[in-house]
Amino acid sequence: RLTCAASGMIFSFNRMGWYRQAPGKQRELVAIITRGQSTDYA
């Protein structure tokens, strides 16, 4: 389980998410969650 602790103006975010980058590859989207709790996944 990965955790992302946010501080600052985070109350005004539109979406948060996770990307990953494997060796020799481009960074890719893994999952996102919007302010309204909608989610999307690779």
PDB file of all heavy atoms in Angstrom:
ATOM      1  N   ARG A   1       0.847  -1.190   0.000  1.00  0.00           N
ATOM      2  CA  ARG A   1       0.000   0.000   0.000  1.00  0.00           C
ATOM      3  C   ARG A   1       0.879   1.234   0.000  1.00  0.00           C
ATOM      4  O   ARG A   1       1.681   1.431   0.924  1.00  0.00           O
ATOM      5  CB  ARG A   1      -0.938   0.038   1.201  1.00  0.00           C
ATOM      6  CG  ARG A   1      -1.953   1.182   1.094  1.00  0.00           C
ATOM      7  CD  ARG A   1      -2.976   1.179   2.190  1.00  0.00           C
ATOM      8  NE  ARG A   1      -2.492   1.801   3.405  1.00  0.00           N
ATOM      9  CZ  ARG A   1      -3.269   2.360   4.331  1.00  0.00           C
ATOM     10  NH1 ARG A   1      -4.585   2.365   4.153  1.00  0.00           N
ATOM     11  NH2 ARG A   1      -2.753   2.878   5.419  1.00  0.00           N
ATOM     12  N   LEU A   2       0.724   2.046  -1.003  1.00  0.00           N
ATOM     13  CA  LEU A   2       1.459   3.298  -1.094  1.00  0.00           C
ATOM     14  C   LEU A   2       0.619   4.413  -0.470  1.00  0.00           C
ATOM     15  O   LEU A   2      -0.606   4.422  -0.571  1.00  0.00           O
ATOM     16  CB  LEU A   2       1.771   3.639  -2.546  1.00  0.00           C
ATOM     17  CG  LEU A   2       2.539   2.581  -3.345  1.00  0.00           C
ATOM     18  CD1 LEU A   2       2.863   3.126  -4.746  1.00  0.00           C
ATOM     19  CD2 LEU A   2       3.802   2.148  -2.633  1.00  0.00           C
ATOM     20  N   THR A   3       1.326   5.345   0.156  1.00  0.00           N
ATOM     21  CA  THR A   3       0.676   6.489   0.780  1.00  0.00           C
ATOM     22  C   THR A   3       1.280   7.769   0.240  1.00  0.00           C
ATOM     23  O   THR A   3       2.505   7.878   0.100  1.00  0.00           O
ATOM     24  CB  THR A   3       0.859   6.441   2.302  1.00  0.00           C
ATOM     25  OG1 THR A   3       0.234   5.248   2.806  1.00  0.00           O
ATOM     26  CG2 THR A   3       0.219   7.644   2.969  1.00  0.00           C
ATOM     27  N   CYS A   4       0.429   8.737  -0.046  1.00  0.00           N
ATOM     28  CA  CYS A   4       0.884  10.065  -0.474  1.00  0.00           C
ATOM     29  C   CYS A   4       0.283  11.082   0.479  1.00  0.00           C
ATOM     30  O   CYS A   4      -0.924  11.310   0.472  1.00  0.00           O
ATOM     31  CB  CYS A   4       0.450  10.350  -1.903  1.00  0.00           C
ATOM     32  SG  CYS A   4       0.869  12.010  -2.478  1.00  0.00           S
ATOM     33  N   ALA A   5       1.140  11.663   1.294  1.00  0.00           N
ATOM     34  CA  ALA A   5       0.704  12.691   2.240  1.00  0.00           C
ATOM     35  C   ALA A   5       0.915  14.059   1.606  1.00  0.00           C
ATOM     36  O   ALA A   5       2.032  14.390   1.203  1.00  0.00           O
ATOM     37  CB  ALA A   5       1.487  12.569   3.541  1.00  0.00           C
ATOM     38  N   ALA A   6      -0.149  14.848   1.526  1.00  0.00           N
ATOM     39  CA  ALA A   6      -0.091  16.137   0.852  1.00  0.00           C
ATOM     40  C   ALA A   6      -0.213  17.289   1.844  1.00  0.00           C
ATOM     41  O   ALA A   6      -0.914  17.182   2.847  1.00  0.00           O
ATOM     42  CB  ALA A   6      -1.209  16.225  -0.180  1.00  0.00           C
ATOM     43  N   SER A   7       0.478  18.364   1.550  1.00  0.00           N
ATOM     44  CA  SER A   7       0.372  19.564   2.374  1.00  0.00           C
ATOM     45  C   SER A   7       0.401  20.783   1.463  1.00  0.00           C
ATOM     46  O   SER A   7       0.837  20.706   0.321  1.00  0.00           O
ATOM     47  CB  SER A   7       1.516  19.624   3.388  1.00  0.00           C
ATOM     48  OG  SER A   7       2.766  19.673   2.723  1.00  0.00           O
ATOM     49  N   GLY A   8      -0.062  21.903   1.971  1.00  0.00           N
ATOM     50  CA  GLY A   8      -0.123  23.110   1.163  1.00  0.00           C
ATOM     51  C   GLY A   8      -1.541  23.382   0.730  1.00  0.00           C
ATOM     52  O   GLY A   8      -2.480  23.132   1.462  1.00  0.00           O
ATOM     53  N   MET A   9      -1.728  23.842  -0.494  1.00  0.00           N
ATOM     54  CA  MET A   9      -3.047  24.217  -1.001  1.00  0.00           C
ATOM     55  C   MET A   9      -3.801  23.011  -1.530  1.00  0.00           C
ATOM     56  O   MET A   9      -4.499  23.074  -2.527  1.00  0.00           O
ATOM     57  CB  MET A   9      -2.904  25.249  -2.116  1.00  0.00           C
ATOM     58  CG  MET A   9      -2.376  26.580  -1.658  1.00  0.00           C
ATOM     59  SD  MET A   9      -2.137  27.699  -3.061  1.00  0.00           S
ATOM     60  CE  MET A   9      -3.768  27.779  -3.771  1.00  0.00           C
ATOM     61  N   ILE A  10      -3.657  21.908  -0.847  1.00  0.00           N
ATOM     62  CA  ILE A  10      -4.185  20.652  -1.385  1.00  0.00           C
ATOM     63  C   ILE A  10      -5.702  20.626  -1.379  1.00  0.00           C
ATOM     64  O   ILE A  10      -6.322  19.858  -2.121  1.00  0.00           O
ATOM     65  CB  ILE A  10      -3.593  19.454  -0.609  1.00  0.00           C
ATOM     66  CG1 ILE A  10      -3.668  18.197  -1.449  1.00  0.00           C
ATOM     67  CG2 ILE A  10      -4.219  19.344   0.749  1.00  0.00           C
ATOM     68  CD1 ILE A  10      -2.862  18.289  -2.738  1.00  0.00           C
ATOM     69  N   PHE A  11      -6.335  21.488  -0.582  1.00  0.00           N
ATOM     70  CA  PHE A  11      -7.787  21.482  -0.504  1.00  0.00           C
ATOM     71  C   PHE A  11      -8.405  21.917  -1.825  1.00  0.00           C
ATOM     72  O   PHE A  11      -9.574  21.692  -2.092  1.00  0.00           O
ATOM     73  CB  PHE A  11      -8.267  22.414   0.617  1.00  0.00           C
ATOM     74  CG  PHE A  11      -7.804  23.830   0.450  1.00  0.00           C
ATOM     75  CD1 PHE A  11      -8.527  24.734  -0.307  1.00  0.00           C
ATOM     76  CD2 PHE A  11      -6.630  24.263   1.051  1.00  0.00           C
ATOM     77  CE1 PHE A  11      -8.099  26.038  -0.465  1.00  0.00           C
ATOM     78  CE2 PHE A  11      -6.185  25.560   0.899  1.00  0.00           C
ATOM     79  CZ  PHE A  11      -6.922  26.451   0.136  1.00  0.00           C
ATOM     80  N   SER A  12      -7.604  22.548  -2.702  1.00  0.00           N
ATOM     81  CA  SER A  12      -8.129  23.048  -3.968  1.00  0.00           C
ATOM     82  C   SER A  12      -7.756  22.154  -5.154  1.00  0.00           C
ATOM     83  O   SER A  12      -7.833  22.574  -6.297  1.00  0.00           O
ATOM     84  CB  SER A  12      -7.610  24.465  -4.226  1.00  0.00           C
ATOM     85  OG  SER A  12      -6.197  24.458  -4.270  1.00  0.00           O
ATOM     86  N   PHE A  13      -7.339  20.919  -4.860  1.00  0.00           N
ATOM     87  CA  PHE A  13      -6.908  20.062  -5.957  1.00  0.00           C
ATOM     88  C   PHE A  13      -8.087  19.639  -6.814  1.00  0.00           C
ATOM     89  O   PHE A  13      -9.226  19.544  -6.351  1.00  0.00           O
ATOM     90  CB  PHE A  13      -6.176  18.837  -5.416  1.00  0.00           C
ATOM     91  CG  PHE A  13      -7.105  17.720  -4.995  1.00  0.00           C
ATOM     92  CD1 PHE A  13      -7.362  16.668  -5.855  1.00  0.00           C
ATOM     93  CD2 PHE A  13      -7.709  17.735  -3.763  1.00  0.00           C
ATOM     94  CE1 PHE A  13      -8.210  15.636  -5.491  1.00  0.00           C
ATOM     95  CE2 PHE A  13      -8.566  16.724  -3.384  1.00  0.00           C
ATOM     96  CZ  PHE A  13      -8.815  15.661  -4.239  1.00  0.00           C
ATOM     97  N   ASN A  14      -7.849  19.357  -8.067  1.00  0.00           N
ATOM     98  CA  ASN A  14      -8.855  18.822  -8.978  1.00  0.00           C
ATOM     99  C   ASN A  14      -8.776  17.302  -9.055  1.00  0.00           C
ATOM    100  O   ASN A  14      -9.787  16.614  -9.090  1.00  0.00           O
ATOM    101  CB  ASN A  14      -8.690  19.410 -10.374  1.00  0.00           C
ATOM    102  CG  ASN A  14      -9.020  20.886 -10.397  1.00  0.00           C
ATOM    103  OD1 ASN A  14      -9.984  21.319  -9.778  1.00  0.00           O
ATOM    104  ND2 ASN A  14      -8.218  21.661 -11.101  1.00  0.00           N
ATOM    105  N   ARG A  15      -7.542  16.803  -9.088  1.00  0.00           N
ATOM    106  CA  ARG A  15      -7.362  15.367  -9.061  1.00  0.00           C
ATOM    107  C   ARG A  15      -5.983  15.035  -8.521  1.00  0.00           C
ATOM    108  O   ARG A  15      -5.063  15.836  -8.587  1.00  0.00           O
ATOM    109  CB  ARG A  15      -7.534  14.755 -10.449  1.00  0.00           C
ATOM    110  CG  ARG A  15      -6.510  15.202 -11.465  1.00  0.00           C
ATOM    111  CD  ARG A  15      -6.738  14.505 -12.791  1.00  0.00           C
ATOM    112  NE  ARG A  15      -5.608  14.686 -13.685  1.00  0.00           N
ATOM    113  CZ  ARG A  15      -5.482  14.088 -14.852  1.00  0.00           C
ATOM    114  NH1 ARG A  15      -6.421  13.262 -15.286  1.00  0.00           N
ATOM    115  NH2 ARG A  15      -4.426  14.290 -15.612  1.00  0.00           N
ATOM    116  N   MET A  16      -5.865  13.847  -7.966  1.00  0.00           N
ATOM    117  CA  MET A  16      -4.595  13.321  -7.492  1.00  0.00           C
ATOM    118  C   MET A  16      -4.432  11.915  -8.037  1.00  0.00           C
ATOM    119  O   MET A  16      -5.413  11.259  -8.380  1.00  0.00           O
ATOM    120  CB  MET A  16      -4.548  13.296  -5.967  1.00  0.00           C
ATOM    121  CG  MET A  16      -4.582  14.669  -5.332  1.00  0.00           C
ATOM    122  SD  MET A  16      -4.407  14.634  -3.541  1.00  0.00           S
ATOM    123  CE  MET A  16      -2.691  14.102  -3.392  1.00  0.00           C
ATOM    124  N   GLY A  17      -3.201  11.496  -8.108  1.00  0.00           N
ATOM    125  CA  GLY A  17      -3.013  10.172  -8.668  1.00  0.00           C
ATOM    126  C   GLY A  17      -1.610   9.640  -8.511  1.00  0.00           C
ATOM    127  O   GLY A  17      -0.771  10.234  -7.831  1.00  0.00           O
ATOM    128  N   TRP A  18      -1.410   8.503  -9.150  1.00  0.00           N
ATOM    129  CA  TRP A  18      -0.122   7.826  -9.114  1.00  0.00           C
ATOM    130  C   TRP A  18       0.330   7.522 -10.544  1.00  0.00           C
ATOM    131  O   TRP A  18      -0.472   7.062 -11.370  1.00  0.00           O
ATOM    132  CB  TRP A  18      -0.224   6.507  -8.338  1.00  0.00           C
ATOM    133  CG  TRP A  18      -0.483   6.688  -6.882  1.00  0.00           C
ATOM    134  CD1 TRP A  18      -1.696   6.752  -6.261  1.00  0.00           C
ATOM    135  CD2 TRP A  18       0.502   6.853  -5.867  1.00  0.00           C
ATOM    136  NE1 TRP A  18      -1.527   6.924  -4.921  1.00  0.00           N
ATOM    137  CE2 TRP A  18      -0.196   6.991  -4.643  1.00  0.00           C
ATOM    138  CE3 TRP A  18       1.897   6.872  -5.855  1.00  0.00           C
ATOM    139  CZ2 TRP A  18       0.471   7.157  -3.426  1.00  0.00           C
ATOM    140  CZ3 TRP A  18       2.558   7.033  -4.647  1.00  0.00           C
ATOM    141  CH2 TRP A  18       1.847   7.174  -3.449  1.00  0.00           C
ATOM    142  N   TYR A  19       1.585   7.793 -10.785  1.00  0.00           N
ATOM    143  CA  TYR A  19       2.249   7.387 -12.015  1.00  0.00           C
ATOM    144  C   TYR A  19       3.396   6.459 -11.622  1.00  0.00           C
ATOM    145  O   TYR A  19       3.811   6.425 -10.472  1.00  0.00           O
ATOM    146  CB  TYR A  19       2.821   8.599 -12.756  1.00  0.00           C
ATOM    147  CG  TYR A  19       1.813   9.404 -13.531  1.00  0.00           C
ATOM    148  CD1 TYR A  19       0.847  10.170 -12.885  1.00  0.00           C
ATOM    149  CD2 TYR A  19       1.837   9.421 -14.921  1.00  0.00           C
ATOM    150  CE1 TYR A  19      -0.067  10.912 -13.606  1.00  0.00           C
ATOM    151  CE2 TYR A  19       0.920  10.177 -15.648  1.00  0.00           C
ATOM    152  CZ  TYR A  19      -0.018  10.913 -14.982  1.00  0.00           C
ATOM    153  OH  TYR A  19      -0.926  11.664 -15.696  1.00  0.00           O
ATOM    154  N   ARG A  20       3.893   5.743 -12.601  1.00  0.00           N
ATOM    155  CA  ARG A  20       5.072   4.912 -12.341  1.00  0.00           C
ATOM    156  C   ARG A  20       6.003   4.961 -13.547  1.00  0.00           C
ATOM    157  O   ARG A  20       5.577   5.209 -14.669  1.00  0.00           O
ATOM    158  CB  ARG A  20       4.693   3.468 -12.034  1.00  0.00           C
ATOM    159  CG  ARG A  20       4.117   2.690 -13.207  1.00  0.00           C
ATOM    160  CD  ARG A  20       3.640   1.322 -12.757  1.00  0.00           C
ATOM    161  NE  ARG A  20       3.051   0.575 -13.875  1.00  0.00           N
ATOM    162  CZ  ARG A  20       2.362  -0.560 -13.723  1.00  0.00           C
ATOM    163  NH1 ARG A  20       2.183  -1.075 -12.507  1.00  0.00           N
ATOM    164  NH2 ARG A  20       1.859  -1.183 -14.774  1.00  0.00           N
ATOM    165  N   GLN A  21       7.266   4.703 -13.249  1.00  0.00           N
ATOM    166  CA  GLN A  21       8.269   4.672 -14.319  1.00  0.00           C
ATOM    167  C   GLN A  21       9.175   3.478 -14.109  1.00  0.00           C
ATOM    168  O   GLN A  21       9.866   3.383 -13.085  1.00  0.00           O
ATOM    169  CB  GLN A  21       9.078   5.965 -14.335  1.00  0.00           C
ATOM    170  CG  GLN A  21      10.010   6.063 -15.531  1.00  0.00           C
ATOM    171  CD  GLN A  21      10.533   7.469 -15.734  1.00  0.00           C
ATOM    172  OE1 GLN A  21      10.513   8.302 -14.827  1.00  0.00           O
ATOM    173  NE2 GLN A  21      11.004   7.766 -16.938  1.00  0.00           N
ATOM    174  N   ALA A  22       9.149   2.578 -15.065  1.00  0.00           N
ATOM    175  CA  ALA A  22      10.018   1.413 -15.036  1.00  0.00           C
ATOM    176  C   ALA A  22      11.344   1.769 -15.715  1.00  0.00           C
ATOM    177  O   ALA A  22      11.400   2.696 -16.530  1.00  0.00           O
ATOM    178  CB  ALA A  22       9.362   0.242 -15.745  1.00  0.00           C
ATOM    179  N   PRO A  23      12.397   1.045 -15.394  1.00  0.00           N
ATOM    180  CA  PRO A  23      13.702   1.328 -16.016  1.00  0.00           C
ATOM    181  C   PRO A  23      13.621   1.288 -17.537  1.00  0.00           C
ATOM    182  O   PRO A  23      13.091   0.332 -18.112  1.00  0.00           O
ATOM    183  CB  PRO A  23      14.587   0.205 -15.485  1.00  0.00           C
ATOM    184  CG  PRO A  23      13.967  -0.190 -14.190  1.00  0.00           C
ATOM    185  CD  PRO A  23      12.485  -0.029 -14.398  1.00  0.00           C
ATOM    186  N   GLY A  24      14.105   2.340 -18.175  1.00  0.00           N
ATOM    187  CA  GLY A  24      14.120   2.393 -19.631  1.00  0.00           C
ATOM    188  C   GLY A  24      12.794   2.695 -20.271  1.00  0.00           C
ATOM    189  O   GLY A  24      12.683   2.657 -21.508  1.00  0.00           O
ATOM    190  N   LYS A  25      11.781   2.990 -19.470  1.00  0.00           N
ATOM    191  CA  LYS A  25      10.455   3.262 -20.022  1.00  0.00           C
ATOM    192  C   LYS A  25       9.971   4.646 -19.619  1.00  0.00           C
ATOM    193  O   LYS A  25      10.492   5.244 -18.684  1.00  0.00           O
ATOM    194  CB  LYS A  25       9.460   2.197 -19.555  1.00  0.00           C
ATOM    195  CG  LYS A  25       9.751   0.803 -20.082  1.00  0.00           C
ATOM    196  CD  LYS A  25       8.636  -0.158 -19.721  1.00  0.00           C
ATOM    197  CE  LYS A  25       8.887  -1.537 -20.311  1.00  0.00           C
ATOM    198  NZ  LYS A  25       7.781  -2.479 -19.971  1.00  0.00           N
ATOM    199  N   GLN A  26       8.957   5.111 -20.328  1.00  0.00           N
ATOM    200  CA  GLN A  26       8.377   6.400 -19.996  1.00  0.00           C
ATOM    201  C   GLN A  26       7.477   6.285 -18.778  1.00  0.00           C
ATOM    202  O   GLN A  26       6.950   5.215 -18.465  1.00  0.00           O
ATOM    203  CB  GLN A  26       7.575   6.932 -21.195  1.00  0.00           C
ATOM    204  CG  GLN A  26       8.423   7.347 -22.381  1.00  0.00           C
ATOM    205  CD  GLN A  26       7.606   8.026 -23.457  1.00  0.00           C
ATOM    206  OE1 GLN A  26       6.415   7.744 -23.622  1.00  0.00           O
ATOM    207  NE2 GLN A  26       8.228   8.925 -24.204  1.00  0.00           N
ATOM    208  N   ARG A  27       7.303   7.406 -18.120  1.00  0.00           N
ATOM    209  CA  ARG A  27       6.390   7.448 -16.989  1.00  0.00           C
ATOM    210  C   ARG A  27       4.965   7.227 -17.492  1.00  0.00           C
ATOM    211  O   ARG A  27       4.579   7.782 -18.517  1.00  0.00           O
ATOM    212  CB  ARG A  27       6.505   8.793 -16.284  1.00  0.00           C
ATOM    213  CG  ARG A  27       5.826   8.865 -14.940  1.00  0.00           C
ATOM    214  CD  ARG A  27       6.135  10.173 -14.242  1.00  0.00           C
ATOM    215  NE  ARG A  27       7.561  10.314 -13.929  1.00  0.00           N
ATOM    216  CZ  ARG A  27       8.034  11.305 -13.169  1.00  0.00           C
ATOM    217  NH1 ARG A  27       7.209  12.206 -12.661  1.00  0.00           N
ATOM    218  NH2 ARG A  27       9.328  11.384 -12.942  1.00  0.00           N
ATOM    219  N   GLU A  28       4.200   6.421 -16.771  1.00  0.00           N
ATOM    220  CA  GLU A  28       2.843   6.112 -17.202  1.00  0.00           C
ATOM    221  C   GLU A  28       1.860   6.279 -16.053  1.00  0.00           C
ATOM    222  O   GLU A  28       2.212   6.085 -14.878  1.00  0.00           O
ATOM    223  CB  GLU A  28       2.749   4.675 -17.727  1.00  0.00           C
ATOM    224  CG  GLU A  28       3.064   3.600 -16.716  1.00  0.00           C
ATOM    225  CD  GLU A  28       2.843   2.199 -17.237  1.00  0.00           C
ATOM    226  OE1 GLU A  28       2.361   2.042 -18.384  1.00  0.00           O
ATOM    227  OE2 GLU A  28       3.142   1.245 -16.502  1.00  0.00           O
ATOM    228  N   LEU A  29       0.641   6.606 -16.410  1.00  0.00           N
ATOM    229  CA  LEU A  29      -0.409   6.772 -15.419  1.00  0.00           C
ATOM    230  C   LEU A  29      -0.810   5.409 -14.871  1.00  0.00           C
ATOM    231  O   LEU A  29      -0.970   4.442 -15.620  1.00  0.00           O
ATOM    232  CB  LEU A  29      -1.627   7.437 -16.056  1.00  0.00           C
ATOM    233  CG  LEU A  29      -2.867   7.542 -15.179  1.00  0.00           C
ATOM    234  CD1 LEU A  29      -2.630   8.530 -14.051  1.00  0.00           C
ATOM    235  CD2 LEU A  29      -4.066   7.959 -16.008  1.00  0.00           C
ATOM    236  N   VAL A  30      -0.964   5.343 -13.554  1.00  0.00           N
ATOM    237  CA  VAL A  30      -1.426   4.116 -12.909  1.00  0.00           C
ATOM    238  C   VAL A  30      -2.881   4.274 -12.470  1.00  0.00           C
ATOM    239  O   VAL A  30      -3.735   3.456 -12.794  1.00  0.00           O
ATOM    240  CB  VAL A  30      -0.551   3.760 -11.690  1.00  0.00           C
ATOM    241  CG1 VAL A  30      -1.096   2.527 -10.978  1.00  0.00           C
ATOM    242  CG2 VAL A  30       0.898   3.549 -12.106  1.00  0.00           C
ATOM    243  N   ALA A  31      -3.163   5.344 -11.720  1.00  0.00           N
ATOM    244  CA  ALA A  31      -4.518   5.552 -11.208  1.00  0.00           C
ATOM    245  C   ALA A  31      -4.692   7.009 -10.827  1.00  0.00           C
ATOM    246  O   ALA A  31      -3.739   7.673 -10.420  1.00  0.00           O
ATOM    247  CB  ALA A  31      -4.776   4.660  -9.996  1.00  0.00           C
ATOM    248  N   ILE A  32      -5.923   7.500 -10.972  1.00  0.00           N
ATOM    249  CA  ILE A  32      -6.236   8.849 -10.548  1.00  0.00           C
ATOM    250  C   ILE A  32      -7.544   8.845  -9.780  1.00  0.00           C
ATOM    251  O   ILE A  32      -8.379   7.956  -9.950  1.00  0.00           O
ATOM    252  CB  ILE A  32      -6.341   9.834 -11.729  1.00  0.00           C
ATOM    253  CG1 ILE A  32      -7.400   9.373 -12.728  1.00  0.00           C
ATOM    254  CG2 ILE A  32      -5.006  10.033 -12.389  1.00  0.00           C
ATOM    255  CD1 ILE A  32      -7.720  10.396 -13.787  1.00  0.00           C
ATOM    256  N   ILE A  33      -7.704   9.868  -8.942  1.00  0.00           N
ATOM    257  CA  ILE A  33      -8.948  10.070  -8.218  1.00  0.00           C
ATOM    258  C   ILE A  33      -9.246  11.557  -8.246  1.00  0.00           C
ATOM    259  O   ILE A  33      -8.375  12.388  -8.023  1.00  0.00           O
ATOM    260  CB  ILE A  33      -8.860   9.520  -6.771  1.00  0.00           C
ATOM    261  CG1 ILE A  33     -10.224   9.624  -6.074  1.00  0.00           C
ATOM    262  CG2 ILE A  33      -7.771  10.223  -5.968  1.00  0.00           C
ATOM    263  CD1 ILE A  33     -10.298   8.807  -4.795  1.00  0.00           C
ATOM    264  N   THR A  34     -10.488  11.891  -8.556  1.00  0.00           N
ATOM    265  CA  THR A  34     -10.867  13.294  -8.662  1.00  0.00           C
ATOM    266  C   THR A  34     -11.406  13.815  -7.339  1.00  0.00           C
ATOM    267  O   THR A  34     -11.649  13.055  -6.393  1.00  0.00           O
ATOM    268  CB  THR A  34     -11.935  13.495  -9.742  1.00  0.00           C
ATOM    269  OG1 THR A  34     -13.162  12.883  -9.293  1.00  0.00           O
ATOM    270  CG2 THR A  34     -11.505  12.886 -11.059  1.00  0.00           C
ATOM    271  N   ARG A  35     -11.611  15.111  -7.316  1.00  0.00           N
ATOM    272  CA  ARG A  35     -12.184  15.764  -6.141  1.00  0.00           C
ATOM    273  C   ARG A  35     -13.511  15.104  -5.783  1.00  0.00           C
ATOM    274  O   ARG A  35     -13.845  14.978  -4.616  1.00  0.00           O
ATOM    275  CB  ARG A  35     -12.369  17.236  -6.449  1.00  0.00           C
ATOM    276  CG  ARG A  35     -12.787  18.094  -5.300  1.00  0.00           C
ATOM    277  CD  ARG A  35     -13.129  19.447  -5.746  1.00  0.00           C
ATOM    278  NE  ARG A  35     -12.609  20.622  -5.178  1.00  0.00           N
ATOM    279  CZ  ARG A  35     -11.817  20.837  -4.172  1.00  0.00           C
ATOM    280  NH1 ARG A  35     -11.294  19.938  -3.546  1.00  0.00           N
ATOM    281  NH2 ARG A  35     -11.500  21.980  -3.774  1.00  0.00           N
ATOM    282  N   GLY A  36     -14.272  14.696  -6.799  1.00  0.00           N
ATOM    283  CA  GLY A  36     -15.559  14.065  -6.562  1.00  0.00           C
ATOM    284  C   GLY A  36     -15.472  12.567  -6.327  1.00  0.00           C
ATOM    285  O   GLY A  36     -16.490  11.885  -6.347  1.00  0.00           O
ATOM    286  N   GLN A  37     -14.270  12.061  -6.130  1.00  0.00           N
ATOM    287  CA  GLN A  37     -14.020  10.653  -5.813  1.00  0.00           C
ATOM    288  C   GLN A  37     -14.187   9.718  -7.017  1.00  0.00           C
ATOM    289  O   GLN A  37     -14.242   8.498  -6.840  1.00  0.00           O
ATOM    290  CB  GLN A  37     -14.911  10.149  -4.663  1.00  0.00           C
ATOM    291  CG  GLN A  37     -14.757  10.928  -3.370  1.00  0.00           C
ATOM    292  CD  GLN A  37     -13.582  10.470  -2.536  1.00  0.00           C
ATOM    293  OE1 GLN A  37     -12.626   9.871  -3.033  1.00  0.00           O
ATOM    294  NE2 GLN A  37     -13.637  10.759  -1.252  1.00  0.00           N
ATOM    295  N   SER A  38     -14.264  10.265  -8.223  1.00  0.00           N
ATOM    296  CA  SER A  38     -14.248   9.392  -9.393  1.00  0.00           C
ATOM    297  C   SER A  38     -12.850   8.850  -9.580  1.00  0.00           C
ATOM    298  O   SER A  38     -11.870   9.542  -9.286  1.00  0.00           O
ATOM    299  CB  SER A  38     -14.669  10.174 -10.643  1.00  0.00           C
ATOM    300  OG  SER A  38     -15.994  10.612 -10.537  1.00  0.00           O
ATOM    301  N   THR A  39     -12.757   7.634 -10.050  1.00  0.00           N
ATOM    302  CA  THR A  39     -11.451   6.993 -10.215  1.00  0.00           C
ATOM    303  C   THR A  39     -11.274   6.466 -11.633  1.00  0.00           C
ATOM    304  O   THR A  39     -12.249   6.201 -12.346  1.00  0.00           O
ATOM    305  CB  THR A  39     -11.274   5.822  -9.229  1.00  0.00           C
ATOM    306  OG1 THR A  39     -12.314   4.860  -9.455  1.00  0.00           O
ATOM    307  CG2 THR A  39     -11.337   6.311  -7.788  1.00  0.00           C
ATOM    308  N   ASP A  40     -10.025   6.330 -12.015  1.00  0.00           N
ATOM    309  CA  ASP A  40      -9.697   5.739 -13.303  1.00  0.00           C
ATOM    310  C   ASP A  40      -8.366   5.020 -13.160  1.00  0.00           C
ATOM    311  O   ASP A  40      -7.517   5.450 -12.367  1.00  0.00           O
ATOM    312  CB  ASP A  40      -9.615   6.807 -14.391  1.00  0.00           C
ATOM    313  CG  ASP A  40      -9.686   6.202 -15.784  1.00  0.00           C
ATOM    314  OD1 ASP A  40     -10.039   5.001 -15.908  1.00  0.00           O
ATOM    315  OD2 ASP A  40      -9.383   6.907 -16.756  1.00  0.00           O
ATOM    316  N   TYR A  41      -8.210   3.948 -13.916  1.00  0.00           N
ATOM    317  CA  TYR A  41      -7.021   3.104 -13.785  1.00  0.00           C
ATOM    318  C   TYR A  41      -6.436   2.749 -15.145  1.00  0.00           C
ATOM    319  O   TYR A  41      -7.166   2.654 -16.142  1.00  0.00           O
ATOM    320  CB  TYR A  41      -7.369   1.800 -13.068  1.00  0.00           C
ATOM    321  CG  TYR A  41      -7.893   1.976 -11.669  1.00  0.00           C
ATOM    322  CD1 TYR A  41      -9.248   2.153 -11.418  1.00  0.00           C
ATOM    323  CD2 TYR A  41      -7.018   1.963 -10.583  1.00  0.00           C
ATOM    324  CE1 TYR A  41      -9.725   2.317 -10.131  1.00  0.00           C
ATOM    325  CE2 TYR A  41      -7.485   2.133  -9.293  1.00  0.00           C
ATOM    326  CZ  TYR A  41      -8.843   2.301  -9.079  1.00  0.00           C
ATOM    327  OH  TYR A  41      -9.307   2.466  -7.793  1.00  0.00           O
ATOM    328  N   ALA A  42      -5.152   2.504 -15.154  1.00  0.00           N
ATOM    329  CA  ALA A  42      -4.533   1.918 -16.336  1.00  0.00           C
ATOM    330  C   ALA A  42      -5.110   0.521 -16.524  1.00  0.00           C
ATOM    331  O   ALA A  42      -5.390  -0.191 -15.543  1.00  0.00           O
ATOM    332  CB  ALA A  42      -3.017   1.848 -16.161  1.00  0.00           C
TER     333      ALA A  42
END
